[in-house]
PDB file of N, CA and C in Angstrom:
ATOM      1  N   MET A   1       0.838  -1.176   0.000  1.00  0.00           N
ATOM      2  CA  MET A   1       0.000   0.000   0.000  1.00  0.00           C
ATOM      3  C   MET A   1       0.888   1.247   0.000  1.00  0.00           C
ATOM      4  N   ALA A   2       0.498   2.254  -0.741  1.00  0.00           N
ATOM      5  CA  ALA A   2       1.282   3.481  -0.858  1.00  0.00           C
ATOM      6  C   ALA A   2       1.261   4.279   0.442  1.00  0.00           C
ATOM      7  N   GLN A   3       2.403   4.851   0.754  1.00  0.00           N
ATOM      8  CA  GLN A   3       2.528   5.691   1.941  1.00  0.00           C
ATOM      9  C   GLN A   3       2.160   7.132   1.591  1.00  0.00           C
ATOM     10  N   THR A   4       1.439   7.767   2.473  1.00  0.00           N
ATOM     11  CA  THR A   4       1.098   9.174   2.329  1.00  0.00           C
ATOM     12  C   THR A   4       1.975   9.971   3.278  1.00  0.00           C
ATOM     13  N   HIS A   5       2.440  11.108   2.817  1.00  0.00           N
ATOM     14  CA  HIS A   5       3.308  11.967   3.623  1.00  0.00           C
ATOM     15  C   HIS A   5       2.484  13.110   4.208  1.00  0.00           C
ATOM     16  N   TYR A   6       2.650  13.333   5.502  1.00  0.00           N
ATOM     17  CA  TYR A   6       1.963  14.414   6.199  1.00  0.00           C
ATOM     18  C   TYR A   6       2.991  15.281   6.911  1.00  0.00           C
ATOM     19  N   GLU A   7       2.657  16.556   7.033  1.00  0.00           N
ATOM     20  CA  GLU A   7       3.447  17.460   7.862  1.00  0.00           C
ATOM     21  C   GLU A   7       2.505  18.024   8.922  1.00  0.00           C
ATOM     22  N   ILE A   8       2.874  17.816  10.176  1.00  0.00           N
ATOM     23  CA  ILE A   8       2.074  18.293  11.297  1.00  0.00           C
ATOM     24  C   ILE A   8       2.860  19.394  11.986  1.00  0.00           C
ATOM     25  N   THR A   9       2.260  20.554  12.104  1.00  0.00           N
ATOM     26  CA  THR A   9       2.867  21.674  12.827  1.00  0.00           C
ATOM     27  C   THR A   9       1.963  21.998  13.998  1.00  0.00           C
ATOM     28  N   TYR A  10       2.552  22.089  15.180  1.00  0.00           N
ATOM     29  CA  TYR A  10       1.744  22.507  16.321  1.00  0.00           C
ATOM     30  C   TYR A  10       2.504  23.510  17.167  1.00  0.00           C
ATOM     31  N   ILE A  11       1.734  24.370  17.853  1.00  0.00           N
ATOM     32  CA  ILE A  11       2.298  25.438  18.671  1.00  0.00           C
ATOM     33  C   ILE A  11       2.118  25.067  20.132  1.00  0.00           C
ATOM     34  N   ILE A  12       3.233  25.037  20.857  1.00  0.00           N
ATOM     35  CA  ILE A  12       3.244  24.660  22.272  1.00  0.00           C
ATOM     36  C   ILE A  12       3.292  25.937  23.111  1.00  0.00           C
ATOM     37  N   LYS A  13       2.552  25.944  24.220  1.00  0.00           N
ATOM     38  CA  LYS A  13       2.557  27.092  25.121  1.00  0.00           C
ATOM     39  C   LYS A  13       3.991  27.433  25.510  1.00  0.00           C
ATOM     40  N   PRO A  14       4.332  28.723  25.573  1.00  0.00           N
ATOM     41  CA  PRO A  14       5.716  29.108  25.866  1.00  0.00           C
ATOM     42  C   PRO A  14       6.096  28.998  27.341  1.00  0.00           C
ATOM     43  N   ASP A  15       5.122  28.871  28.237  1.00  0.00           N
ATOM     44  CA  ASP A  15       5.443  28.908  29.662  1.00  0.00           C
ATOM     45  C   ASP A  15       5.579  27.538  30.320  1.00  0.00           C
ATOM     46  N   ILE A  16       5.591  26.463  29.524  1.00  0.00           N
ATOM     47  CA  ILE A  16       5.807  25.152  30.145  1.00  0.00           C
ATOM     48  C   ILE A  16       7.317  24.885  30.234  1.00  0.00           C
ATOM     49  N   SER A  17       7.709  24.081  31.182  1.00  0.00           N
ATOM     50  CA  SER A  17       9.133  23.795  31.389  1.00  0.00           C
ATOM     51  C   SER A  17       9.688  22.947  30.243  1.00  0.00           C
ATOM     52  N   GLU A  18      10.999  22.935  30.121  1.00  0.00           N
ATOM     53  CA  GLU A  18      11.657  22.127  29.080  1.00  0.00           C
ATOM     54  C   GLU A  18      11.328  20.648  29.237  1.00  0.00           C
ATOM     55  N   GLU A  19      11.295  20.158  30.491  1.00  0.00           N
ATOM     56  CA  GLU A  19      10.989  18.745  30.729  1.00  0.00           C
ATOM     57  C   GLU A  19       9.558  18.414  30.289  1.00  0.00           C
ATOM     58  N   ASP A  20       8.615  19.324  30.608  1.00  0.00           N
ATOM     59  CA  ASP A  20       7.226  19.100  30.218  1.00  0.00           C
ATOM     60  C   ASP A  20       7.056  19.165  28.704  1.00  0.00           C
ATOM     61  N   LYS A  21       7.792  20.079  28.073  1.00  0.00           N
ATOM     62  CA  LYS A  21       7.723  20.187  26.610  1.00  0.00           C
ATOM     63  C   LYS A  21       8.281  18.925  25.960  1.00  0.00           C
ATOM     64  N   LYS A  22       9.395  18.432  26.486  1.00  0.00           N
ATOM     65  CA  LYS A  22      10.000  17.209  25.947  1.00  0.00           C
ATOM     66  C   LYS A  22       9.037  16.026  26.108  1.00  0.00           C
ATOM     67  N   ALA A  23       8.389  15.922  27.267  1.00  0.00           N
ATOM     68  CA  ALA A  23       7.420  14.844  27.509  1.00  0.00           C
ATOM     69  C   ALA A  23       6.225  14.965  26.565  1.00  0.00           C
ATOM     70  N   LEU A  24       5.769  16.197  26.310  1.00  0.00           N
ATOM     71  CA  LEU A  24       4.647  16.426  25.399  1.00  0.00           C
ATOM     72  C   LEU A  24       4.994  15.982  23.977  1.00  0.00           C
ATOM     73  N   VAL A  25       6.184  16.380  23.509  1.00  0.00           N
ATOM     74  CA  VAL A  25       6.635  16.006  22.164  1.00  0.00           C
ATOM     75  C   VAL A  25       6.763  14.490  22.048  1.00  0.00           C
ATOM     76  N   GLU A  26       7.365  13.855  23.053  1.00  0.00           N
ATOM     77  CA  GLU A  26       7.507  12.395  23.031  1.00  0.00           C
ATOM     78  C   GLU A  26       6.147  11.704  23.026  1.00  0.00           C
ATOM     79  N   ARG A  27       5.201  12.246  23.795  1.00  0.00           N
ATOM     80  CA  ARG A  27       3.866  11.654  23.840  1.00  0.00           C
ATOM     81  C   ARG A  27       3.174  11.726  22.477  1.00  0.00           C
ATOM     82  N   PHE A  28       3.260  12.879  21.814  1.00  0.00           N
ATOM     83  CA  PHE A  28       2.611  13.001  20.507  1.00  0.00           C
ATOM     84  C   PHE A  28       3.340  12.202  19.433  1.00  0.00           C
ATOM     85  N   ASP A  29       4.667  12.087  19.510  1.00  0.00           N
ATOM     86  CA  ASP A  29       5.392  11.210  18.582  1.00  0.00           C
ATOM     87  C   ASP A  29       4.972   9.754  18.783  1.00  0.00           C
ATOM     88  N   LYS A  30       4.776   9.369  20.045  1.00  0.00           N
ATOM     89  CA  LYS A  30       4.352   7.996  20.352  1.00  0.00           C
ATOM     90  C   LYS A  30       2.941   7.726  19.837  1.00  0.00           C
ATOM     91  N   ILE A  31       2.068   8.710  19.893  1.00  0.00           N
ATOM     92  CA  ILE A  31       0.709   8.554  19.356  1.00  0.00           C
ATOM     93  C   ILE A  31       0.773   8.220  17.872  1.00  0.00           C
ATOM     94  N   ILE A  32       1.647   8.914  17.146  1.00  0.00           N
ATOM     95  CA  ILE A  32       1.812   8.651  15.714  1.00  0.00           C
ATOM     96  C   ILE A  32       2.317   7.221  15.503  1.00  0.00           C
ATOM     97  N   LYS A  33       3.371   6.837  16.237  1.00  0.00           N
ATOM     98  CA  LYS A  33       3.976   5.514  16.074  1.00  0.00           C
ATOM     99  C   LYS A  33       3.022   4.390  16.476  1.00  0.00           C
ATOM    100  N   ASP A  34       2.250   4.614  17.536  1.00  0.00           N
ATOM    101  CA  ASP A  34       1.323   3.580  18.014  1.00  0.00           C
ATOM    102  C   ASP A  34       0.164   3.337  17.058  1.00  0.00           C
ATOM    103  N   ASN A  35      -0.054   4.241  16.118  1.00  0.00           N
ATOM    104  CA  ASN A  35      -1.139   4.095  15.154  1.00  0.00           C
ATOM    105  C   ASN A  35      -0.603   3.753  13.762  1.00  0.00           C
ATOM    106  N   ASN A  36       0.475   2.961  13.747  1.00  0.00           N
ATOM    107  CA  ASN A  36       1.044   2.388  12.524  1.00  0.00           C
ATOM    108  C   ASN A  36       1.496   3.422  11.502  1.00  0.00           C
ATOM    109  N   ALA A  37       2.121   4.480  11.981  1.00  0.00           N
ATOM    110  CA  ALA A  37       2.723   5.463  11.086  1.00  0.00           C
ATOM    111  C   ALA A  37       4.178   5.658  11.504  1.00  0.00           C
ATOM    112  N   GLU A  38       4.972   6.198  10.605  1.00  0.00           N
ATOM    113  CA  GLU A  38       6.392   6.399  10.865  1.00  0.00           C
ATOM    114  C   GLU A  38       6.679   7.886  11.023  1.00  0.00           C
ATOM    115  N   VAL A  39       7.358   8.236  12.113  1.00  0.00           N
ATOM    116  CA  VAL A  39       7.817   9.610  12.309  1.00  0.00           C
ATOM    117  C   VAL A  39       9.157   9.743  11.600  1.00  0.00           C
ATOM    118  N   VAL A  40       9.163  10.452  10.476  1.00  0.00           N
ATOM    119  CA  VAL A  40      10.382  10.643   9.700  1.00  0.00           C
ATOM    120  C   VAL A  40      11.278  11.668  10.382  1.00  0.00           C
ATOM    121  N   ASP A  41      10.670  12.730  10.896  1.00  0.00           N
ATOM    122  CA  ASP A  41      11.422  13.817  11.509  1.00  0.00           C
ATOM    123  C   ASP A  41      10.518  14.518  12.519  1.00  0.00           C
ATOM    124  N   SER A  42      11.062  14.859  13.675  1.00  0.00           N
ATOM    125  CA  SER A  42      10.315  15.576  14.707  1.00  0.00           C
ATOM    126  C   SER A  42      11.265  16.570  15.353  1.00  0.00           C
ATOM    127  N   LYS A  43      10.993  17.856  15.156  1.00  0.00           N
ATOM    128  CA  LYS A  43      11.934  18.858  15.664  1.00  0.00           C
ATOM    129  C   LYS A  43      11.229  20.169  15.992  1.00  0.00           C
ATOM    130  N   ASP A  44      11.817  20.892  16.953  1.00  0.00           N
ATOM    131  CA  ASP A  44      11.358  22.248  17.235  1.00  0.00           C
ATOM    132  C   ASP A  44      11.808  23.148  16.096  1.00  0.00           C
ATOM    133  N   TRP A  45      10.921  24.020  15.684  1.00  0.00           N
ATOM    134  CA  TRP A  45      11.299  24.988  14.669  1.00  0.00           C
ATOM    135  C   TRP A  45      11.912  26.177  15.381  1.00  0.00           C
ATOM    136  N   GLN A  46      11.088  26.918  16.118  1.00  0.00           N
ATOM    137  CA  GLN A  46      11.594  28.016  16.927  1.00  0.00           C
ATOM    138  C   GLN A  46      10.453  28.625  17.726  1.00  0.00           C
ATOM    139  N   LYS A  47      10.826  29.420  18.723  1.00  0.00           N
ATOM    140  CA  LYS A  47       9.823  30.184  19.464  1.00  0.00           C
ATOM    141  C   LYS A  47       9.570  31.453  18.663  1.00  0.00           C
ATOM    142  N   ARG A  48       8.287  31.704  18.371  1.00  0.00           N
ATOM    143  CA  ARG A  48       7.939  32.849  17.533  1.00  0.00           C
ATOM    144  C   ARG A  48       6.795  33.639  18.145  1.00  0.00           C
ATOM    145  N   ARG A  49       6.759  34.892  17.803  1.00  0.00           N
ATOM    146  CA  ARG A  49       5.647  35.749  18.181  1.00  0.00           C
ATOM    147  C   ARG A  49       4.460  35.385  17.296  1.00  0.00           C
ATOM    148  N   LEU A  50       3.281  35.268  17.888  1.00  0.00           N
ATOM    149  CA  LEU A  50       2.077  34.913  17.143  1.00  0.00           C
ATOM    150  C   LEU A  50       1.488  36.157  16.481  1.00  0.00           C
ATOM    151  N   ALA A  51       0.821  35.973  15.364  1.00  0.00           N
ATOM    152  CA  ALA A  51       0.197  37.088  14.652  1.00  0.00           C
ATOM    153  C   ALA A  51      -0.940  37.690  15.474  1.00  0.00           C
ATOM    154  N   TYR A  52      -1.573  36.851  16.274  1.00  0.00           N
ATOM    155  CA  TYR A  52      -2.646  37.305  17.168  1.00  0.00           C
ATOM    156  C   TYR A  52      -2.600  36.450  18.425  1.00  0.00           C
ATOM    157  N   GLY A  53      -3.088  36.985  19.510  1.00  0.00           N
ATOM    158  CA  GLY A  53      -3.066  36.264  20.774  1.00  0.00           C
ATOM    159  C   GLY A  53      -3.964  35.036  20.751  1.00  0.00           C
ATOM    160  N   ILE A  54      -3.484  33.956  21.353  1.00  0.00           N
ATOM    161  CA  ILE A  54      -4.262  32.721  21.490  1.00  0.00           C
ATOM    162  C   ILE A  54      -4.304  32.388  22.972  1.00  0.00           C
ATOM    163  N   ASN A  55      -5.494  32.393  23.540  1.00  0.00           N
ATOM    164  CA  ASN A  55      -5.679  32.089  24.968  1.00  0.00           C
ATOM    165  C   ASN A  55      -4.771  32.926  25.868  1.00  0.00           C
ATOM    166  N   GLY A  56      -4.552  34.184  25.502  1.00  0.00           N
ATOM    167  CA  GLY A  56      -3.728  35.080  26.304  1.00  0.00           C
ATOM    168  C   GLY A  56      -2.236  34.993  26.024  1.00  0.00           C
ATOM    169  N   TYR A  57      -1.807  34.156  25.102  1.00  0.00           N
ATOM    170  CA  TYR A  57      -0.382  34.015  24.762  1.00  0.00           C
ATOM    171  C   TYR A  57      -0.080  34.783  23.478  1.00  0.00           C
ATOM    172  N   ASN A  58       1.057  35.478  23.469  1.00  0.00           N
ATOM    173  CA  ASN A  58       1.483  36.227  22.286  1.00  0.00           C
ATOM    174  C   ASN A  58       2.636  35.559  21.551  1.00  0.00           C
ATOM    175  N   GLU A  59       3.159  34.464  22.121  1.00  0.00           N
ATOM    176  CA  GLU A  59       4.203  33.700  21.449  1.00  0.00           C
ATOM    177  C   GLU A  59       4.044  32.226  21.792  1.00  0.00           C
ATOM    178  N   GLY A  60       4.715  31.386  21.006  1.00  0.00           N
ATOM    179  CA  GLY A  60       4.663  29.952  21.242  1.00  0.00           C
ATOM    180  C   GLY A  60       5.821  29.262  20.547  1.00  0.00           C
ATOM    181  N   THR A  61       6.085  28.019  20.944  1.00  0.00           N
ATOM    182  CA  THR A  61       7.145  27.220  20.332  1.00  0.00           C
ATOM    183  C   THR A  61       6.525  26.347  19.250  1.00  0.00           C
ATOM    184  N   TYR A  62       6.990  26.528  18.037  1.00  0.00           N
ATOM    185  CA  TYR A  62       6.498  25.743  16.903  1.00  0.00           C
ATOM    186  C   TYR A  62       7.259  24.424  16.841  1.00  0.00           C
ATOM    187  N   HIS A  63       6.542  23.328  16.669  1.00  0.00           N
ATOM    188  CA  HIS A  63       7.151  22.005  16.535  1.00  0.00           C
ATOM    189  C   HIS A  63       6.606  21.368  15.259  1.00  0.00           C
ATOM    190  N   ILE A  64       7.476  20.741  14.483  1.00  0.00           N
ATOM    191  CA  ILE A  64       7.100  20.148  13.192  1.00  0.00           C
ATOM    192  C   ILE A  64       7.408  18.658  13.206  1.00  0.00           C
ATOM    193  N   ILE A  65       6.433  17.857  12.743  1.00  0.00           N
ATOM    194  CA  ILE A  65       6.615  16.408  12.596  1.00  0.00           C
ATOM    195  C   ILE A  65       6.335  16.046  11.139  1.00  0.00           C
ATOM    196  N   ASN A  66       7.243  15.306  10.519  1.00  0.00           N
ATOM    197  CA  ASN A  66       7.003  14.733   9.196  1.00  0.00           C
ATOM    198  C   ASN A  66       6.658  13.267   9.395  1.00  0.00           C
ATOM    199  N   VAL A  67       5.549  12.840   8.790  1.00  0.00           N
ATOM    200  CA  VAL A  67       4.980  11.510   9.033  1.00  0.00           C
ATOM    201  C   VAL A  67       4.731  10.797   7.711  1.00  0.00           C
ATOM    202  N   GLN A  68       4.981   9.492   7.702  1.00  0.00           N
ATOM    203  CA  GLN A  68       4.569   8.627   6.597  1.00  0.00           C
ATOM    204  C   GLN A  68       3.567   7.636   7.152  1.00  0.00           C
ATOM    205  N   ALA A  69       2.410   7.534   6.491  1.00  0.00           N
ATOM    206  CA  ALA A  69       1.362   6.649   6.988  1.00  0.00           C
ATOM    207  C   ALA A  69       0.625   6.006   5.821  1.00  0.00           C
ATOM    208  N   ALA A  70       0.142   4.783   6.052  1.00  0.00           N
ATOM    209  CA  ALA A  70      -0.624   4.073   5.032  1.00  0.00           C
ATOM    210  C   ALA A  70      -2.079   4.549   5.001  1.00  0.00           C
ATOM    211  N   ASP A  71      -2.571   5.031   6.144  1.00  0.00           N
ATOM    212  CA  ASP A  71      -3.931   5.572   6.203  1.00  0.00           C
ATOM    213  C   ASP A  71      -3.951   6.762   7.157  1.00  0.00           C
ATOM    214  N   GLN A  72      -5.136   7.317   7.398  1.00  0.00           N
ATOM    215  CA  GLN A  72      -5.236   8.533   8.205  1.00  0.00           C
ATOM    216  C   GLN A  72      -5.445   8.285   9.691  1.00  0.00           C
ATOM    217  N   THR A  73      -5.365   7.063  10.141  1.00  0.00           N
ATOM    218  CA  THR A  73      -5.629   6.746  11.545  1.00  0.00           C
ATOM    219  C   THR A  73      -4.734   7.539  12.489  1.00  0.00           C
ATOM    220  N   ALA A  74      -3.445   7.584  12.207  1.00  0.00           N
ATOM    221  CA  ALA A  74      -2.495   8.260  13.096  1.00  0.00           C
ATOM    222  C   ALA A  74      -2.742   9.764  13.144  1.00  0.00           C
ATOM    223  N   VAL A  75      -2.941  10.382  11.989  1.00  0.00           N
ATOM    224  CA  VAL A  75      -3.148  11.835  11.985  1.00  0.00           C
ATOM    225  C   VAL A  75      -4.505  12.202  12.573  1.00  0.00           C
ATOM    226  N   ASN A  76      -5.501  11.349  12.393  1.00  0.00           N
ATOM    227  CA  ASN A  76      -6.808  11.598  13.012  1.00  0.00           C
ATOM    228  C   ASN A  76      -6.721  11.529  14.532  1.00  0.00           C
ATOM    229  N   GLU A  77      -5.954  10.572  15.045  1.00  0.00           N
ATOM    230  CA  GLU A  77      -5.780  10.447  16.496  1.00  0.00           C
ATOM    231  C   GLU A  77      -4.969  11.625  17.031  1.00  0.00           C
ATOM    232  N   PHE A  78      -3.936  12.045  16.315  1.00  0.00           N
ATOM    233  CA  PHE A  78      -3.178  13.232  16.713  1.00  0.00           C
ATOM    234  C   PHE A  78      -4.110  14.440  16.770  1.00  0.00           C
ATOM    235  N   ASP A  79      -4.917  14.620  15.746  1.00  0.00           N
ATOM    236  CA  ASP A  79      -5.852  15.743  15.676  1.00  0.00           C
ATOM    237  C   ASP A  79      -6.795  15.735  16.874  1.00  0.00           C
ATOM    238  N   ARG A  80      -7.359  14.587  17.190  1.00  0.00           N
ATOM    239  CA  ARG A  80      -8.307  14.462  18.296  1.00  0.00           C
ATOM    240  C   ARG A  80      -7.651  14.809  19.631  1.00  0.00           C
ATOM    241  N   LEU A  81      -6.472  14.238  19.889  1.00  0.00           N
ATOM    242  CA  LEU A  81      -5.820  14.433  21.180  1.00  0.00           C
ATOM    243  C   LEU A  81      -5.200  15.823  21.340  1.00  0.00           C
ATOM    244  N   SER A  82      -4.744  16.420  20.244  1.00  0.00           N
ATOM    245  CA  SER A  82      -4.155  17.759  20.360  1.00  0.00           C
ATOM    246  C   SER A  82      -5.224  18.816  20.644  1.00  0.00           C
ATOM    247  N   LYS A  83      -6.464  18.548  20.249  1.00  0.00           N
ATOM    248  CA  LYS A  83      -7.562  19.466  20.571  1.00  0.00           C
ATOM    249  C   LYS A  83      -7.895  19.439  22.054  1.00  0.00           C
ATOM    250  N   ILE A  84      -7.603  18.335  22.717  1.00  0.00           N
ATOM    251  CA  ILE A  84      -7.912  18.165  24.138  1.00  0.00           C
ATOM    252  C   ILE A  84      -6.802  18.736  25.016  1.00  0.00           C
ATOM    253  N   ASP A  85      -5.552  18.649  24.569  1.00  0.00           N
ATOM    254  CA  ASP A  85      -4.395  19.022  25.380  1.00  0.00           C
ATOM    255  C   ASP A  85      -4.274  20.544  25.498  1.00  0.00           C
ATOM    256  N   ASP A  86      -4.259  21.057  26.716  1.00  0.00           N
ATOM    257  CA  ASP A  86      -4.169  22.500  26.951  1.00  0.00           C
ATOM    258  C   ASP A  86      -2.804  23.075  26.612  1.00  0.00           C
ATOM    259  N   SER A  87      -1.767  22.247  26.517  1.00  0.00           N
ATOM    260  CA  SER A  87      -0.425  22.739  26.208  1.00  0.00           C
ATOM    261  C   SER A  87      -0.236  23.022  24.723  1.00  0.00           C
ATOM    262  N   VAL A  88      -1.146  22.533  23.881  1.00  0.00           N
ATOM    263  CA  VAL A  88      -1.085  22.779  22.439  1.00  0.00           C
ATOM    264  C   VAL A  88      -2.065  23.904  22.124  1.00  0.00           C
ATOM    265  N   LEU A  89      -1.511  25.040  21.675  1.00  0.00           N
ATOM    266  CA  LEU A  89      -2.363  26.189  21.380  1.00  0.00           C
ATOM    267  C   LEU A  89      -3.108  26.012  20.053  1.00  0.00           C
ATOM    268  N   ARG A  90      -2.396  25.585  19.020  1.00  0.00           N
ATOM    269  CA  ARG A  90      -2.986  25.335  17.704  1.00  0.00           C
ATOM    270  C   ARG A  90      -2.189  24.236  17.015  1.00  0.00           C
ATOM    271  N   HIS A  91      -2.835  23.594  16.032  1.00  0.00           N
ATOM    272  CA  HIS A  91      -2.106  22.618  15.215  1.00  0.00           C
ATOM    273  C   HIS A  91      -2.647  22.647  13.795  1.00  0.00           C
ATOM    274  N   MET A  92      -1.832  22.148  12.873  1.00  0.00           N
ATOM    275  CA  MET A  92      -2.216  22.098  11.476  1.00  0.00           C
ATOM    276  C   MET A  92      -1.616  20.832  10.867  1.00  0.00           C
ATOM    277  N   ILE A  93      -2.428  20.098  10.126  1.00  0.00           N
ATOM    278  CA  ILE A  93      -1.973  18.869   9.465  1.00  0.00           C
ATOM    279  C   ILE A  93      -2.114  19.071   7.966  1.00  0.00           C
ATOM    280  N   ILE A  94      -1.014  18.866   7.252  1.00  0.00           N
ATOM    281  CA  ILE A  94      -1.005  19.051   5.795  1.00  0.00           C
ATOM    282  C   ILE A  94      -0.615  17.737   5.142  1.00  0.00           C
ATOM    283  N   LYS A  95      -1.368  17.338   4.134  1.00  0.00           N
ATOM    284  CA  LYS A  95      -1.010  16.183   3.318  1.00  0.00           C
ATOM    285  C   LYS A  95      -0.070  16.672   2.237  1.00  0.00           C
ATOM    286  N   ARG A  96       1.140  16.133   2.213  1.00  0.00           N
ATOM    287  CA  ARG A  96       2.154  16.596   1.275  1.00  0.00           C
ATOM    288  C   ARG A  96       2.130  15.782  -0.016  1.00  0.00           C
ATOM    289  N   GLU A  97       2.313  16.455  -1.100  1.00  0.00           N
ATOM    290  CA  GLU A  97       2.414  15.811  -2.410  1.00  0.00           C
ATOM    291  C   GLU A  97       3.896  15.705  -2.758  1.00  0.00           C
ATOM    292  N   ASP A  98       4.490  14.536  -2.562  1.00  0.00           N
ATOM    293  CA  ASP A  98       5.921  14.343  -2.852  1.00  0.00           C
ATOM    294  C   ASP A  98       6.126  13.632  -4.153  1.00  0.00           C
TER     295      ASP A  98
END
Protein backbone atom coordinates (compact mmCIF):
# COMPACT_ATOMS: atom_id res chain seq x y z
CA MET A 1 0.00 0.00 0.00
CA ALA A 2 1.28 3.48 -0.86
CA GLN A 3 2.53 5.69 1.94
CA THR A 4 1.10 9.17 2.33
CA HIS A 5 3.31 11.97 3.62
CA TYR A 6 1.96 14.41 6.20
CA GLU A 7 3.45 17.46 7.86
CA ILE A 8 2.07 18.29 11.30
CA THR A 9 2.87 21.67 12.83
CA TYR A 10 1.74 22.51 16.32
CA ILE A 11 2.30 25.44 18.67
CA ILE A 12 3.24 24.66 22.27
CA LYS A 13 2.56 27.09 25.12
CA PRO A 14 5.72 29.11 25.87
CA ASP A 15 5.44 28.91 29.66
CA ILE A 16 5.81 25.15 30.14
CA SER A 17 9.13 23.80 31.39
CA GLU A 18 11.66 22.13 29.08
CA GLU A 19 10.99 18.75 30.73
CA ASP A 20 7.23 19.10 30.22
CA LYS A 21 7.72 20.19 26.61
CA LYS A 22 10.00 17.21 25.95
CA ALA A 23 7.42 14.84 27.51
CA LEU A 24 4.65 16.43 25.40
CA VAL A 25 6.63 16.01 22.16
CA GLU A 26 7.51 12.40 23.03
CA ARG A 27 3.87 11.65 23.84
CA PHE A 28 2.61 13.00 20.51
CA ASP A 29 5.39 11.21 18.58
CA LYS A 30 4.35 8.00 20.35
CA ILE A 31 0.71 8.55 19.36
CA ILE A 32 1.81 8.65 15.71
CA LYS A 33 3.98 5.51 16.07
CA ASP A 34 1.32 3.58 18.01
CA ASN A 35 -1.14 4.10 15.15
CA ASN A 36 1.04 2.39 12.52
CA ALA A 37 2.72 5.46 11.09
CA GLU A 38 6.39 6.40 10.86
CA VAL A 39 7.82 9.61 12.31
CA VAL A 40 10.38 10.64 9.70
CA ASP A 41 11.42 13.82 11.51
CA SER A 42 10.32 15.58 14.71
CA LYS A 43 11.93 18.86 15.66
CA ASP A 44 11.36 22.25 17.23
CA TRP A 45 11.30 24.99 14.67
CA GLN A 46 11.59 28.02 16.93
CA LYS A 47 9.82 30.18 19.46
CA ARG A 48 7.94 32.85 17.53
CA ARG A 49 5.65 35.75 18.18
CA LEU A 50 2.08 34.91 17.14
CA ALA A 51 0.20 37.09 14.65
CA TYR A 52 -2.65 37.31 17.17
CA GLY A 53 -3.07 36.26 20.77
CA ILE A 54 -4.26 32.72 21.49
CA ASN A 55 -5.68 32.09 24.97
CA GLY A 56 -3.73 35.08 26.30
CA TYR A 57 -0.38 34.02 24.76
CA ASN A 58 1.48 36.23 22.29
CA GLU A 59 4.20 33.70 21.45
CA GLY A 60 4.66 29.95 21.24
CA THR A 61 7.14 27.22 20.33
CA TYR A 62 6.50 25.74 16.90
CA HIS A 63 7.15 22.00 16.53
CA ILE A 64 7.10 20.15 13.19
CA ILE A 65 6.62 16.41 12.60
CA ASN A 66 7.00 14.73 9.20
CA VAL A 67 4.98 11.51 9.03
CA GLN A 68 4.57 8.63 6.60
CA ALA A 69 1.36 6.65 6.99
CA ALA A 70 -0.62 4.07 5.03
CA ASP A 71 -3.93 5.57 6.20
CA GLN A 72 -5.24 8.53 8.21
CA THR A 73 -5.63 6.75 11.54
CA ALA A 74 -2.49 8.26 13.10
CA VAL A 75 -3.15 11.84 11.98
CA ASN A 76 -6.81 11.60 13.01
CA GLU A 77 -5.78 10.45 16.50
CA PHE A 78 -3.18 13.23 16.71
CA ASP A 79 -5.85 15.74 15.68
CA ARG A 80 -8.31 14.46 18.30
CA LEU A 81 -5.82 14.43 21.18
CA SER A 82 -4.15 17.76 20.36
CA LYS A 83 -7.56 19.47 20.57
CA ILE A 84 -7.91 18.17 24.14
CA ASP A 85 -4.40 19.02 25.38
CA ASP A 86 -4.17 22.50 26.95
CA SER A 87 -0.43 22.74 26.21
CA VAL A 88 -1.09 22.78 22.44
CA LEU A 89 -2.36 26.19 21.38
CA ARG A 90 -2.99 25.33 17.70
CA HIS A 91 -2.11 22.62 15.22
CA MET A 92 -2.22 22.10 11.48
CA ILE A 93 -1.97 18.87 9.47
CA ILE A 94 -1.00 19.05 5.80
CA LYS A 95 -1.01 16.18 3.32
CA ARG A 96 2.15 16.60 1.28
CA GLU A 97 2.41 15.81 -2.41
CA ASP A 98 5.92 14.34 -2.85
